[in-house]
């Protein structure tokens, strides 16, 4: 409690403005009921609010914000309102009503009156939060109990925090602006978590409510500044056995995000009264964080491989020490051999690691372009697995693939003159399967193809596809090429997409379990950590943890 918050003289004052910045006397609640879009100033930035039962108003918001498919978060008047739209467990209720008030990913009810196709197209989950400022409560009544509450920043831009700035930047998006006279000095987005079927929280975004709360770590070293990656960056500063993670700064190839990142480092150093002695950066030579680190004089600098960092972070989060195995699955990470890693089994601790196994390499044409276009990766997998036959299959089952793009990629693959970097990315494998099954051919937001593939899977299915695990020059290779012949055969027979989606998930669970058993036999290591963005997939995470636990592994995530 802060007394100034309650003082009518020196406490905060709110104003409702139109697009010209003029004060209007209408009620924000009435304007929302009429279908208007209101930019609402919060604790760490602005939200765009609109009636979540008004499909046309939500479509207008999507059009103005140029956000075609990414799901919107919602805010409900209270817990009882949230329960009318979503299924909520006791653990999820605890997090929803916690002081941190994060967005919690919940299963949506099928009989909800909400227009699913415009709020969360292609998936059956909703990101839900409850009011966490007094102003939020004034936006609801018994008639209006649910709002879209999405971050008001322009795509890829930093959070908007100023009253003048919001009028300038969102004048073409919001109809009205509900502002107050308290400055936002530290931009911070809403935190997002999901409760797994094991009743453990997964942080999709650790920000408001959790930052800058320290995390106990088992290693007490000299102060370290770890810079993070290029996309959705967060940095970390350690002090006396605790790690202090920052909020998200966005993608650092955007200058204003990069500028906020640098200011954030100075703010954290002052807040913690610590001066880091070591700077840790990613191995990728072109990341802004790597370049900045190398330009810093008088510091010890350490380059750390991306997937080893994933493994070590999961170890630290669980308070583990000593050597163990790590299965790390994600979209992109610069490997020590110059390839783009993304499905790796490592052996290591906090001091060193070795790579024991990975998904079979194949070309990554266009790099980040392919990450946005799953149909490209589907073509690569089809041609690498099935040869010329794969090209004809792509022509039939990848309608989104433009002819010139197909011809260029096919020509390079057929001549085997492909100079593109090789990849073992698990994320790109999910993309390829999703595109071939006709689920998602273009990623309008990060992970869309994989998310929709998971959501569509029929969990009653129990079969899986073929794969091969071979050892080549002291490295185990996980090869899913045999799966593609079977997948295509089922598509041609008109098999249900939901069954094929589930069989794909079960293939990975079976393959990962088998390779970990082989490596346990080789190394004698029985502890394994699971890390990387792919393990936000609940089918994969839950199935693999259960499978490994039944085979007497100690599993952590």
Protein backbone atom coordinates (compact mmCIF):
# COMPACT_ATOMS: atom_id res chain seq x y z
CA UNK A 1 0.00 0.00 0.00
CA UNK A 2 1.27 3.48 -0.88
CA UNK A 3 -0.56 6.46 0.64
CA UNK A 4 -0.16 8.68 -2.47
CA UNK A 5 -2.23 6.15 -4.42
CA UNK A 6 -5.25 7.06 -2.29
CA UNK A 7 -4.77 10.85 -2.12
CA UNK A 8 -7.16 12.87 -4.31
CA UNK A 9 -4.62 15.71 -4.46
CA UNK A 10 -1.21 14.11 -5.04
CA UNK A 11 -2.37 10.66 -6.13
CA UNK A 12 -2.67 9.58 -9.77
CA UNK A 13 -5.19 11.28 -12.04
CA UNK A 14 -6.74 9.60 -15.06
CA UNK A 15 -7.89 11.14 -18.33
CA UNK A 16 -9.84 9.76 -21.27
CA UNK A 17 -8.59 11.24 -24.54
CA UNK A 18 -9.71 11.05 -28.14
CA UNK A 19 -7.33 10.71 -31.06
CA UNK A 20 -6.64 14.47 -31.05
CA UNK A 21 -5.56 14.30 -27.43
CA UNK A 22 -8.68 16.09 -26.20
CA UNK A 23 -10.31 15.09 -22.92
CA UNK A 24 -13.72 13.50 -23.41
CA UNK A 25 -16.39 13.03 -20.77
CA UNK A 26 -17.72 9.64 -21.83
CA UNK A 27 -17.37 6.49 -19.76
CA UNK A 28 -14.64 4.07 -20.92
CA UNK A 29 -16.97 1.21 -19.98
CA UNK A 30 -19.72 2.53 -22.25
CA UNK A 31 -17.26 3.08 -25.10
CA UNK A 32 -16.03 -0.52 -24.82
CA UNK A 33 -19.61 -1.80 -24.91
CA UNK A 34 -20.11 0.18 -28.12
CA UNK A 35 -17.25 -1.70 -29.78
CA UNK A 36 -14.51 0.92 -29.45
CA UNK A 37 -10.83 0.10 -29.01
CA UNK A 38 -9.22 1.80 -26.02
CA UNK A 39 -5.50 2.07 -25.25
CA UNK A 40 -5.21 1.64 -21.47
CA UNK A 41 -2.11 2.71 -19.53
CA UNK A 42 -1.01 0.10 -17.02
CA UNK A 43 2.02 -0.58 -14.82
CA UNK A 44 4.67 -1.35 -17.41
CA UNK A 45 3.11 -0.21 -20.66
CA UNK A 46 -0.18 0.13 -22.54
CA UNK A 47 -2.81 -2.46 -23.44
CA UNK A 48 -5.32 -2.32 -26.27
CA UNK A 49 -8.71 -3.23 -24.82
CA UNK A 50 -11.85 -4.28 -26.69
CA UNK A 51 -15.00 -6.25 -25.86
CA UNK A 52 -14.02 -9.93 -26.23
CA UNK A 53 -17.57 -10.95 -27.19
CA UNK A 54 -17.71 -8.49 -30.11
CA UNK A 55 -16.31 -10.34 -33.12
CA UNK A 56 -16.42 -7.34 -35.43
CA UNK A 57 -14.57 -5.12 -32.97
CA UNK A 58 -11.86 -7.79 -32.59
CA UNK A 59 -11.57 -8.11 -36.39
CA UNK A 60 -11.12 -4.34 -36.56
CA UNK A 61 -8.36 -4.55 -33.95
CA UNK A 62 -6.61 -7.30 -35.93
CA UNK A 63 -6.82 -5.28 -39.14
CA UNK A 64 -5.54 -2.08 -37.57
CA UNK A 65 -2.76 -3.82 -35.64
CA UNK A 66 -1.89 -6.00 -38.68
CA UNK A 67 -1.94 -9.09 -36.48
CA UNK A 68 -3.44 -11.82 -38.62
CA UNK A 69 -3.35 -14.93 -36.47
CA UNK A 70 -1.42 -14.55 -33.21
CA UNK A 71 -3.77 -15.25 -30.27
CA UNK A 72 -4.95 -12.36 -28.12
CA UNK A 73 -4.78 -12.44 -24.33
CA UNK A 74 -7.96 -11.74 -22.41
CA UNK A 75 -8.74 -10.22 -19.02
CA UNK A 76 -11.84 -11.25 -17.12
CA UNK A 77 -13.68 -9.32 -14.43
CA UNK A 78 -12.95 -11.97 -11.80
CA UNK A 79 -12.16 -15.66 -11.36
CA UNK A 80 -15.81 -16.67 -11.69
CA UNK A 81 -16.01 -15.03 -15.11
CA UNK A 82 -12.83 -16.82 -16.22
CA UNK A 83 -14.35 -20.14 -15.13
CA UNK A 84 -17.29 -19.58 -17.49
CA UNK A 85 -14.95 -19.45 -20.48
CA UNK A 86 -12.12 -21.81 -19.48
CA UNK A 87 -11.38 -24.99 -17.58
CA UNK A 88 -9.27 -24.05 -14.56
CA UNK A 89 -7.48 -26.45 -12.22
CA UNK A 90 -6.61 -25.68 -8.61
CA UNK A 91 -2.99 -24.99 -9.53
CA UNK A 92 -4.00 -22.72 -12.42
CA UNK A 93 -6.40 -20.87 -10.10
CA UNK A 94 -3.57 -20.35 -7.63
CA UNK A 95 -1.41 -18.72 -10.29
CA UNK A 96 -4.28 -16.64 -11.74
CA UNK A 97 -5.05 -15.14 -8.35
CA UNK A 98 -1.42 -14.80 -7.23
CA UNK A 99 0.07 -11.33 -6.51
CA UNK A 100 2.13 -11.67 -9.70
CA UNK A 101 -1.12 -11.91 -11.75
CA UNK A 102 0.44 -13.48 -14.87
CA UNK A 103 -1.33 -14.45 -18.05
CA UNK A 104 -2.08 -18.17 -17.63
CA UNK A 105 -2.60 -20.38 -20.68
CA UNK A 106 -5.87 -22.28 -20.11
CA UNK A 107 -8.00 -24.79 -22.00
CA UNK A 108 -10.97 -23.00 -23.56
CA UNK A 109 -14.47 -24.40 -23.13
CA UNK A 110 -16.11 -25.60 -26.32
CA UNK A 111 -19.48 -24.06 -25.49
CA UNK A 112 -18.07 -20.58 -24.86
CA UNK A 113 -19.82 -17.60 -26.44
CA UNK A 114 -16.46 -16.11 -27.38
CA UNK A 115 -15.65 -15.79 -31.10
CA UNK A 116 -12.80 -18.29 -31.07
CA UNK A 117 -11.93 -17.80 -34.74
CA UNK A 118 -10.85 -14.18 -34.16
CA UNK A 119 -9.47 -14.42 -30.59
CA UNK A 120 -7.37 -17.59 -30.77
CA UNK A 121 -7.61 -19.05 -34.30
CA UNK A 122 -6.27 -22.56 -34.83
CA UNK A 123 -5.82 -23.44 -31.15
CA UNK A 124 -8.03 -24.41 -28.20
CA UNK A 125 -6.29 -22.47 -25.45
CA UNK A 126 -6.76 -18.96 -24.08
CA UNK A 127 -4.27 -16.69 -22.36
CA UNK A 128 -6.19 -15.32 -19.36
CA UNK A 129 -5.33 -12.78 -16.66
CA UNK A 130 -7.28 -11.05 -13.93
CA UNK A 131 -7.29 -7.29 -13.17
CA UNK A 132 -4.12 -6.23 -11.37
CA UNK A 133 -4.51 -2.44 -11.09
CA UNK A 134 -7.45 -0.44 -9.70
CA UNK A 135 -8.00 1.07 -13.14
CA UNK A 136 -8.58 -2.37 -14.62
CA UNK A 137 -11.52 -3.01 -12.30
CA UNK A 138 -13.27 0.11 -13.59
CA UNK A 139 -13.39 -1.39 -17.11
CA UNK A 140 -15.85 -4.13 -16.10
CA UNK A 141 -19.39 -4.51 -14.84
CA UNK A 142 -22.00 -7.28 -14.80
CA UNK A 143 -22.68 -6.80 -18.52
CA UNK A 144 -19.06 -6.59 -19.65
CA UNK A 145 -17.01 -9.30 -17.95
CA UNK A 146 -14.32 -10.12 -20.51
CA UNK A 147 -11.96 -7.96 -22.57
CA UNK A 148 -9.22 -8.50 -25.10
CA UNK A 149 -6.12 -7.05 -23.39
CA UNK A 150 -3.17 -7.17 -25.75
CA UNK A 151 0.12 -5.29 -25.64
CA UNK A 152 -0.28 -1.96 -27.40
CA UNK A 153 3.16 -1.80 -28.95
CA UNK A 154 3.62 -1.87 -32.71
CA UNK A 155 4.92 -5.26 -33.89
CA UNK A 156 8.63 -5.71 -33.02
CA UNK A 157 8.80 -2.22 -31.44
CA UNK A 158 9.55 -1.60 -27.74
CA UNK A 159 6.67 -1.14 -25.30
CA UNK A 160 4.95 2.22 -25.49
CA UNK A 161 5.10 3.99 -22.12
CA UNK A 162 4.38 7.71 -22.64
CA UNK A 163 1.05 9.53 -23.02
CA UNK A 164 2.29 11.64 -25.95
CA UNK A 165 3.95 8.63 -27.55
CA UNK A 166 0.80 6.53 -27.44
CA UNK A 167 -1.20 9.23 -29.23
CA UNK A 168 1.43 9.51 -31.93
CA UNK A 169 1.96 5.81 -32.52
CA UNK A 170 -1.49 4.33 -31.94
CA UNK A 171 -3.66 7.10 -33.36
CA UNK A 172 -4.63 4.84 -36.26
CA UNK A 173 -5.32 1.82 -34.04
CA UNK A 174 -7.07 2.97 -30.85
CA UNK A 175 -10.27 5.02 -30.83
CA UNK A 176 -9.68 6.39 -27.33
CA UNK A 177 -6.85 6.56 -24.79
CA UNK A 178 -7.24 5.99 -21.06
CA UNK A 179 -4.11 7.49 -19.50
CA UNK A 180 -2.84 8.61 -16.10
CA UNK A 181 -0.18 11.01 -14.90
CA UNK A 182 2.27 8.51 -13.38
CA UNK A 183 5.35 7.97 -15.51
CA UNK A 184 6.43 4.45 -16.49
CA UNK A 185 10.17 4.41 -15.87
CA UNK A 186 10.72 0.68 -16.32
CA UNK A 187 8.85 -0.88 -19.28
CA UNK A 188 7.71 -4.41 -18.49
CA UNK A 189 5.30 -6.70 -20.33
CA UNK A 190 2.86 -9.16 -18.77
CA UNK A 191 4.29 -12.49 -17.66
CA UNK A 192 2.94 -15.62 -19.37
CA UNK A 193 2.93 -19.10 -17.83
CA UNK A 194 1.42 -22.48 -18.55
CA UNK A 195 0.79 -25.25 -16.04
CA UNK A 196 1.90 -28.62 -17.37
CA UNK A 197 -0.02 -31.84 -16.79
CA UNK A 198 2.61 -32.51 -14.12
CA UNK A 199 1.32 -29.40 -12.29
CA UNK A 200 4.59 -27.55 -12.78
CA UNK A 201 4.72 -23.97 -14.15
CA UNK A 202 6.41 -23.24 -17.47
CA UNK A 203 7.37 -19.63 -18.09
CA UNK A 204 6.73 -18.54 -21.65
CA UNK A 205 7.58 -14.98 -20.62
CA UNK A 206 8.98 -14.08 -17.21
CA UNK A 207 8.40 -10.35 -16.74
CA UNK A 208 5.93 -8.26 -14.71
CA UNK A 209 5.48 -9.65 -11.19
CA UNK A 210 8.60 -11.84 -11.32
CA UNK A 211 11.34 -9.46 -12.47
CA UNK A 212 13.71 -8.62 -10.80
CA UNK A 213 13.12 -11.36 -8.21
CA UNK A 214 16.32 -13.38 -7.78
CA UNK A 215 16.63 -17.09 -8.52
CA UNK A 216 18.83 -19.18 -6.25
CA UNK A 217 21.60 -20.92 -8.17
CA UNK A 218 23.91 -23.68 -6.92
CA UNK A 219 27.13 -21.98 -8.08
CA UNK A 220 28.43 -18.89 -6.27
CA UNK A 221 30.90 -17.25 -8.68
CA UNK A 222 32.21 -13.78 -9.32
CA UNK A 223 29.50 -11.44 -10.71
CA UNK A 224 28.55 -12.39 -14.27
CA UNK A 225 26.61 -10.52 -16.95
CA UNK A 226 25.04 -13.04 -19.36
CA UNK A 227 23.74 -11.25 -22.46
CA UNK A 228 21.20 -13.72 -23.87
CA UNK A 229 20.30 -14.20 -27.51
CA UNK A 230 19.15 -12.01 -30.36
CA UNK A 231 15.41 -12.71 -30.36
CA UNK A 232 13.13 -12.02 -27.39
CA UNK A 233 16.20 -11.06 -25.45
CA UNK A 234 16.63 -11.12 -21.71
CA UNK A 235 19.92 -10.66 -19.90
CA UNK A 236 20.99 -11.99 -16.51
CA UNK A 237 23.27 -10.68 -13.77
CA UNK A 238 24.48 -12.93 -10.96
CA UNK A 239 25.31 -11.82 -7.43
CA UNK A 240 26.19 -13.91 -4.37
CA UNK A 241 24.47 -17.15 -5.37
CA UNK A 242 21.47 -15.56 -7.07
CA UNK A 243 20.61 -14.92 -10.72
CA UNK A 244 18.62 -11.83 -11.64
CA UNK A 245 16.88 -12.10 -15.00
CA UNK A 246 15.66 -9.01 -16.80
CA UNK A 247 12.32 -8.52 -18.48
CA UNK A 248 12.05 -9.16 -22.22
CA UNK A 249 13.57 -6.54 -24.50
CA UNK A 250 12.33 -7.89 -27.81
CA UNK A 251 14.47 -8.59 -30.87
CA UNK A 252 17.78 -6.75 -30.70
CA UNK A 253 18.06 -6.14 -34.43
CA UNK A 254 15.61 -3.29 -33.73
CA UNK A 255 17.59 -0.23 -32.60
CA UNK A 256 15.17 0.95 -29.90
CA UNK A 257 15.01 -2.53 -28.39
CA UNK A 258 18.80 -2.63 -28.41
CA UNK A 259 18.93 0.79 -26.76
CA UNK A 260 16.50 -0.32 -24.03
CA UNK A 261 18.59 -3.45 -23.52
CA UNK A 262 21.71 -1.35 -22.87
CA UNK A 263 19.83 1.02 -20.53
CA UNK A 264 18.40 -2.02 -18.75
CA UNK A 265 21.87 -3.39 -18.02
CA UNK A 266 22.91 -0.11 -16.37
CA UNK A 267 19.66 0.02 -14.37
CA UNK A 268 20.10 -3.53 -13.10
CA UNK A 269 23.74 -2.92 -12.17
CA UNK A 270 22.71 0.13 -10.13
CA UNK A 271 19.75 -1.65 -8.52
CA UNK A 272 21.86 -4.65 -7.50
CA UNK A 273 24.90 -2.53 -6.59
CA UNK A 274 27.12 -4.91 -8.50
CA UNK A 275 29.72 -4.57 -11.25
CA UNK A 276 30.03 -7.75 -13.32
CA UNK A 277 33.53 -9.12 -13.75
CA UNK A 278 32.67 -11.58 -16.54
CA UNK A 279 30.60 -11.11 -19.70
CA UNK A 280 29.04 -14.20 -21.26
CA UNK A 281 27.73 -14.17 -24.84
CA UNK A 282 26.32 -16.53 -27.47
CA UNK A 283 28.63 -18.10 -30.05
CA UNK A 284 26.71 -16.62 -33.00
CA UNK A 285 29.14 -14.12 -34.55
CA UNK A 286 26.43 -11.81 -35.93
CA UNK A 287 24.31 -11.38 -32.80
CA UNK A 288 24.22 -7.83 -31.46
CA UNK A 289 25.01 -9.23 -28.01
CA UNK A 290 28.15 -10.97 -29.31
CA UNK A 291 29.37 -7.83 -31.05
CA UNK A 292 28.72 -5.69 -27.98
CA UNK A 293 30.52 -8.14 -25.72
CA UNK A 294 33.60 -8.22 -27.90
CA UNK A 295 33.80 -4.43 -27.82
CA UNK A 296 33.91 -4.30 -24.03
CA UNK A 297 37.41 -3.77 -22.64
CA UNK A 298 38.71 -4.87 -19.24
CA UNK A 299 36.29 -7.78 -18.88
CA UNK A 300 36.79 -11.50 -19.02
CA UNK A 301 34.61 -12.70 -21.91
CA UNK A 302 33.26 -16.21 -22.43
CA UNK A 303 31.37 -17.50 -25.47
CA UNK A 304 28.84 -20.19 -24.55
CA UNK A 305 27.12 -22.56 -26.96
CA UNK A 306 23.36 -21.94 -27.08
CA UNK A 307 22.17 -25.46 -26.26
CA UNK A 308 24.67 -25.96 -23.47
CA UNK A 309 23.26 -22.75 -21.97
CA UNK A 310 19.77 -24.31 -22.24
CA UNK A 311 20.99 -27.40 -20.44
CA UNK A 312 22.85 -25.49 -17.72
CA UNK A 313 19.89 -23.19 -17.08
CA UNK A 314 17.59 -26.17 -16.53
CA UNK A 315 20.17 -27.69 -14.20
CA UNK A 316 20.45 -24.46 -12.20
CA UNK A 317 16.68 -24.04 -12.08
CA UNK A 318 16.44 -27.47 -10.47
CA UNK A 319 19.43 -26.94 -8.16
CA UNK A 320 21.40 -29.75 -9.81
CA UNK A 321 25.15 -30.23 -9.77
CA UNK A 322 27.48 -32.76 -11.35
CA UNK A 323 27.51 -34.36 -14.78
CA UNK A 324 24.30 -35.43 -16.54
CA UNK A 325 22.59 -35.77 -19.91
CA UNK A 326 20.63 -32.99 -21.56
CA UNK A 327 18.10 -33.27 -24.39
CA UNK A 328 17.71 -29.80 -25.89
CA UNK A 329 15.16 -29.17 -28.64
CA UNK A 330 14.44 -25.77 -30.18
CA UNK A 331 14.48 -23.86 -33.44
CA UNK A 332 17.91 -22.28 -33.75
CA UNK A 333 21.27 -22.23 -32.02
CA UNK A 334 24.74 -21.67 -33.45
CA UNK A 335 26.70 -24.91 -33.20
CA UNK A 336 30.41 -25.40 -32.60
CA UNK A 337 30.69 -26.87 -36.13
CA UNK A 338 29.04 -23.89 -37.83
CA UNK A 339 25.71 -25.70 -38.32
CA UNK A 340 22.38 -24.55 -36.89
CA UNK A 341 21.72 -26.92 -34.02
CA UNK A 342 18.25 -27.61 -32.63
CA UNK A 343 17.85 -31.24 -31.51
CA UNK A 344 20.83 -32.27 -29.40
CA UNK A 345 21.76 -34.72 -26.68
CA UNK A 346 24.60 -33.32 -24.60
CA UNK A 347 26.71 -34.64 -21.78
CA UNK A 348 27.97 -32.02 -19.38
CA UNK A 349 27.94 -29.91 -16.26
CA UNK A 350 28.49 -26.20 -15.60
CA UNK A 351 32.11 -26.29 -16.79
CA UNK A 352 32.11 -28.24 -20.05
CA UNK A 353 29.98 -30.35 -22.38
CA UNK A 354 30.24 -32.81 -25.25
CA UNK A 355 27.71 -33.52 -27.96
CA UNK A 356 26.64 -37.16 -28.09
CA UNK A 357 23.72 -37.21 -30.55
CA UNK A 358 21.69 -34.99 -32.86
CA UNK A 359 18.91 -35.03 -35.42
CA UNK A 360 20.19 -35.85 -38.92
CA UNK A 361 21.46 -32.78 -40.75
CA UNK A 362 19.76 -31.36 -43.82
CA UNK A 363 19.99 -27.99 -45.61
CA UNK A 364 18.34 -24.86 -44.20
CA UNK A 365 17.66 -22.80 -47.33
CA UNK A 366 17.31 -19.12 -46.62
CA UNK A 367 17.89 -19.36 -42.88
CA UNK A 368 15.33 -17.21 -41.06
CA UNK A 369 13.17 -17.06 -44.21
CA UNK A 370 12.55 -20.80 -43.92
CA UNK A 371 11.58 -20.40 -40.26
CA UNK A 372 8.74 -18.15 -41.43
CA UNK A 373 7.73 -20.46 -44.30
CA UNK A 374 7.17 -24.05 -43.13
CA UNK A 375 6.36 -25.20 -46.67
CA UNK A 376 10.04 -24.67 -47.58
CA UNK A 377 11.20 -27.07 -44.88
CA UNK A 378 8.54 -29.58 -45.94
CA UNK A 379 9.96 -29.51 -49.47
CA UNK A 380 13.52 -30.00 -48.18
CA UNK A 381 12.51 -32.98 -46.03
CA UNK A 382 10.49 -34.56 -48.85
CA UNK A 383 13.33 -34.28 -51.35
CA UNK A 384 16.06 -35.33 -48.93
CA UNK A 385 14.03 -38.32 -47.73
CA UNK A 386 12.33 -39.36 -50.98
CA UNK A 387 14.43 -37.85 -53.76
CA UNK A 388 12.73 -36.84 -57.03
CA UNK A 389 9.50 -38.49 -55.85
CA UNK A 390 9.44 -35.96 -53.02
CA UNK A 391 9.23 -33.11 -55.51
CA UNK A 392 6.05 -34.45 -57.11
CA UNK A 393 4.55 -35.00 -53.67
CA UNK A 394 5.36 -31.40 -52.76
CA UNK A 395 3.62 -30.18 -55.93
CA UNK A 396 0.50 -32.05 -54.88
CA UNK A 397 0.39 -31.38 -51.12
CA UNK A 398 2.09 -28.01 -50.67
CA UNK A 399 -0.23 -25.59 -52.50
CA UNK A 400 1.26 -22.56 -50.71
CA UNK A 401 4.69 -23.21 -52.25
CA UNK A 402 5.15 -20.74 -55.16
CA UNK A 403 6.40 -22.32 -58.39
CA UNK A 404 9.52 -20.11 -58.74
CA UNK A 405 10.49 -20.81 -55.13
CA UNK A 406 9.94 -24.53 -55.60
CA UNK A 407 12.04 -24.63 -58.78
CA UNK A 408 14.92 -22.72 -57.21
CA UNK A 409 15.04 -24.90 -54.09
CA UNK A 410 14.54 -28.13 -56.03
CA UNK A 411 17.30 -27.28 -58.50
CA UNK A 412 19.80 -26.65 -55.74
CA UNK A 413 18.89 -29.83 -53.88
CA UNK A 414 19.00 -32.00 -57.00
CA UNK A 415 22.42 -30.71 -58.03
CA UNK A 416 23.68 -31.18 -54.47
CA UNK A 417 25.34 -27.77 -54.78
CA UNK A 418 23.42 -26.40 -51.82
CA UNK A 419 25.74 -24.01 -50.00
CA UNK A 420 23.26 -23.20 -47.28
CA UNK A 421 24.06 -23.99 -43.68
CA UNK A 422 23.04 -27.43 -42.39
CA UNK A 423 20.57 -27.81 -39.53
CA UNK A 424 19.44 -30.34 -36.94
CA UNK A 425 16.55 -28.13 -35.83
CA UNK A 426 13.61 -29.83 -34.15
CA UNK A 427 11.52 -26.69 -34.59
CA UNK A 428 11.94 -26.86 -38.36
CA UNK A 429 10.92 -30.54 -38.31
CA UNK A 430 7.65 -29.55 -36.60
CA UNK A 431 7.19 -26.86 -39.26
CA UNK A 432 7.70 -29.34 -42.08
CA UNK A 433 5.19 -31.88 -40.74
CA UNK A 434 2.62 -29.18 -40.04
CA UNK A 435 2.92 -27.86 -43.60
CA UNK A 436 2.68 -31.29 -45.24
CA UNK A 437 -0.43 -32.14 -43.22
CA UNK A 438 -2.04 -28.91 -44.45
CA UNK A 439 -2.24 -27.42 -40.96
CA UNK A 440 0.01 -24.36 -41.29
CA UNK A 441 2.14 -23.34 -44.28
CA UNK A 442 3.15 -19.86 -43.09
CA UNK A 443 4.18 -18.81 -39.59
CA UNK A 444 2.41 -15.54 -38.90
CA UNK A 445 3.90 -15.67 -35.40
CA UNK A 446 6.75 -17.65 -33.89
CA UNK A 447 5.91 -21.31 -33.42
CA UNK A 448 2.46 -21.14 -35.06
CA UNK A 449 2.88 -24.29 -37.18
CA UNK A 450 4.09 -26.33 -34.21
CA UNK A 451 1.42 -24.98 -31.85
CA UNK A 452 -1.42 -25.79 -34.26
CA UNK A 453 0.05 -29.23 -34.98
CA UNK A 454 0.02 -30.04 -31.26
CA UNK A 455 -3.46 -28.65 -30.78
CA UNK A 456 -4.91 -30.81 -33.55
CA UNK A 457 -3.33 -34.10 -32.40
CA UNK A 458 -5.66 -36.95 -31.42
CA UNK A 459 -4.28 -38.12 -28.08
CA UNK A 460 -6.13 -41.44 -28.39
CA UNK A 461 -3.69 -42.53 -31.11
CA UNK A 462 -0.96 -44.92 -29.89
CA UNK A 463 1.09 -45.81 -33.00
CA UNK A 464 4.27 -44.14 -34.20
CA UNK A 465 6.29 -43.97 -37.42
CA UNK A 466 9.63 -45.56 -38.27
CA UNK A 467 12.98 -43.90 -37.59
CA UNK A 468 16.63 -44.93 -37.54
CA UNK A 469 19.32 -44.38 -34.91
CA UNK A 470 22.85 -44.94 -36.22
CA UNK A 471 26.31 -44.18 -34.92
CA UNK A 472 28.56 -42.30 -37.34
CA UNK A 473 32.13 -41.41 -36.34
CA UNK A 474 31.43 -41.46 -32.58
CA UNK A 475 28.20 -39.45 -33.00
CA UNK A 476 24.70 -40.91 -32.70
CA UNK A 477 22.39 -39.69 -35.50
CA UNK A 478 18.60 -39.63 -35.09
CA UNK A 479 17.12 -40.05 -38.57
CA UNK A 480 13.41 -39.41 -39.22
CA UNK A 481 13.67 -39.81 -43.01
CA UNK A 482 11.86 -43.23 -42.91
CA UNK A 483 8.84 -41.47 -41.35
CA UNK A 484 8.19 -39.39 -44.46
CA UNK A 485 7.37 -42.33 -46.73
CA UNK A 486 4.79 -43.58 -44.21
CA UNK A 487 3.37 -40.13 -43.62
CA UNK A 488 2.84 -39.54 -47.34
CA UNK A 489 1.21 -42.97 -47.73
CA UNK A 490 -1.31 -42.16 -44.97
CA UNK A 491 -2.07 -38.76 -46.50
CA UNK A 492 -2.78 -40.39 -49.86
CA UNK A 493 -5.13 -42.86 -48.18
CA UNK A 494 -7.04 -39.96 -46.67
CA UNK A 495 -6.12 -40.75 -43.09
CA UNK A 496 -7.26 -38.36 -40.37
CA UNK A 497 -4.83 -35.48 -39.92
CA UNK A 498 -5.34 -35.56 -36.15
CA UNK A 499 -4.12 -39.17 -35.97
CA UNK A 500 -1.05 -38.43 -38.10
CA UNK A 501 -0.23 -35.40 -35.94
CA UNK A 502 -0.28 -37.55 -32.81
CA UNK A 503 1.76 -40.33 -34.42
CA UNK A 504 4.43 -37.76 -35.24
CA UNK A 505 4.60 -36.70 -31.59
CA UNK A 506 4.79 -40.33 -30.45
CA UNK A 507 7.60 -40.97 -32.96
CA UNK A 508 9.71 -38.30 -31.31
CA UNK A 509 8.90 -39.60 -27.83
CA UNK A 510 9.93 -43.12 -28.84
CA UNK A 511 13.08 -41.97 -30.65
CA UNK A 512 14.23 -39.67 -27.83
CA UNK A 513 13.61 -42.37 -25.25
CA UNK A 514 15.62 -44.92 -27.23
CA UNK A 515 18.62 -42.64 -27.75
CA UNK A 516 18.70 -41.68 -24.07
CA UNK A 517 18.66 -45.33 -23.03
CA UNK A 518 21.59 -46.02 -25.41
CA UNK A 519 23.52 -43.09 -23.99
CA UNK A 520 22.80 -44.11 -20.41
CA UNK A 521 24.28 -47.51 -21.25
CA UNK A 522 27.37 -45.80 -22.72
CA UNK A 523 27.93 -43.14 -20.07
CA UNK A 524 26.37 -44.53 -16.91
CA UNK A 525 24.53 -41.20 -16.48
CA UNK A 526 20.93 -41.57 -15.32
CA UNK A 527 19.91 -37.94 -14.83
CA UNK A 528 18.54 -36.03 -17.83
CA UNK A 529 17.28 -32.47 -18.22
CA UNK A 530 14.83 -31.45 -20.95
CA UNK A 531 15.14 -27.90 -22.22
CA UNK A 532 14.44 -25.69 -25.23
CA UNK A 533 11.31 -24.11 -26.66
CA UNK A 534 10.04 -27.35 -28.22
CA UNK A 535 9.34 -28.64 -24.72
CA UNK A 536 6.53 -26.13 -24.34
CA UNK A 537 4.72 -28.83 -26.35
CA UNK A 538 2.71 -30.62 -23.68
CA UNK A 539 2.26 -33.88 -25.61
CA UNK A 540 6.00 -34.22 -26.09
CA UNK A 541 6.98 -33.07 -22.60
CA UNK A 542 4.48 -35.19 -20.68
CA UNK A 543 4.88 -38.29 -22.84
CA UNK A 544 8.66 -38.21 -22.73
CA UNK A 545 8.86 -37.56 -18.98
CA UNK A 546 6.49 -40.44 -18.29
CA UNK A 547 8.36 -42.74 -20.67
CA UNK A 548 11.77 -41.93 -19.19
CA UNK A 549 10.56 -42.10 -15.61
CA UNK A 550 9.11 -45.56 -16.25
CA UNK A 551 12.61 -46.60 -17.38
CA UNK A 552 14.12 -45.36 -14.10
CA UNK A 553 15.59 -42.08 -15.35
CA UNK A 554 15.64 -39.03 -13.09
CA UNK A 555 14.10 -36.38 -15.34
CA UNK A 556 14.06 -32.59 -14.89
CA UNK A 557 12.67 -29.71 -16.95
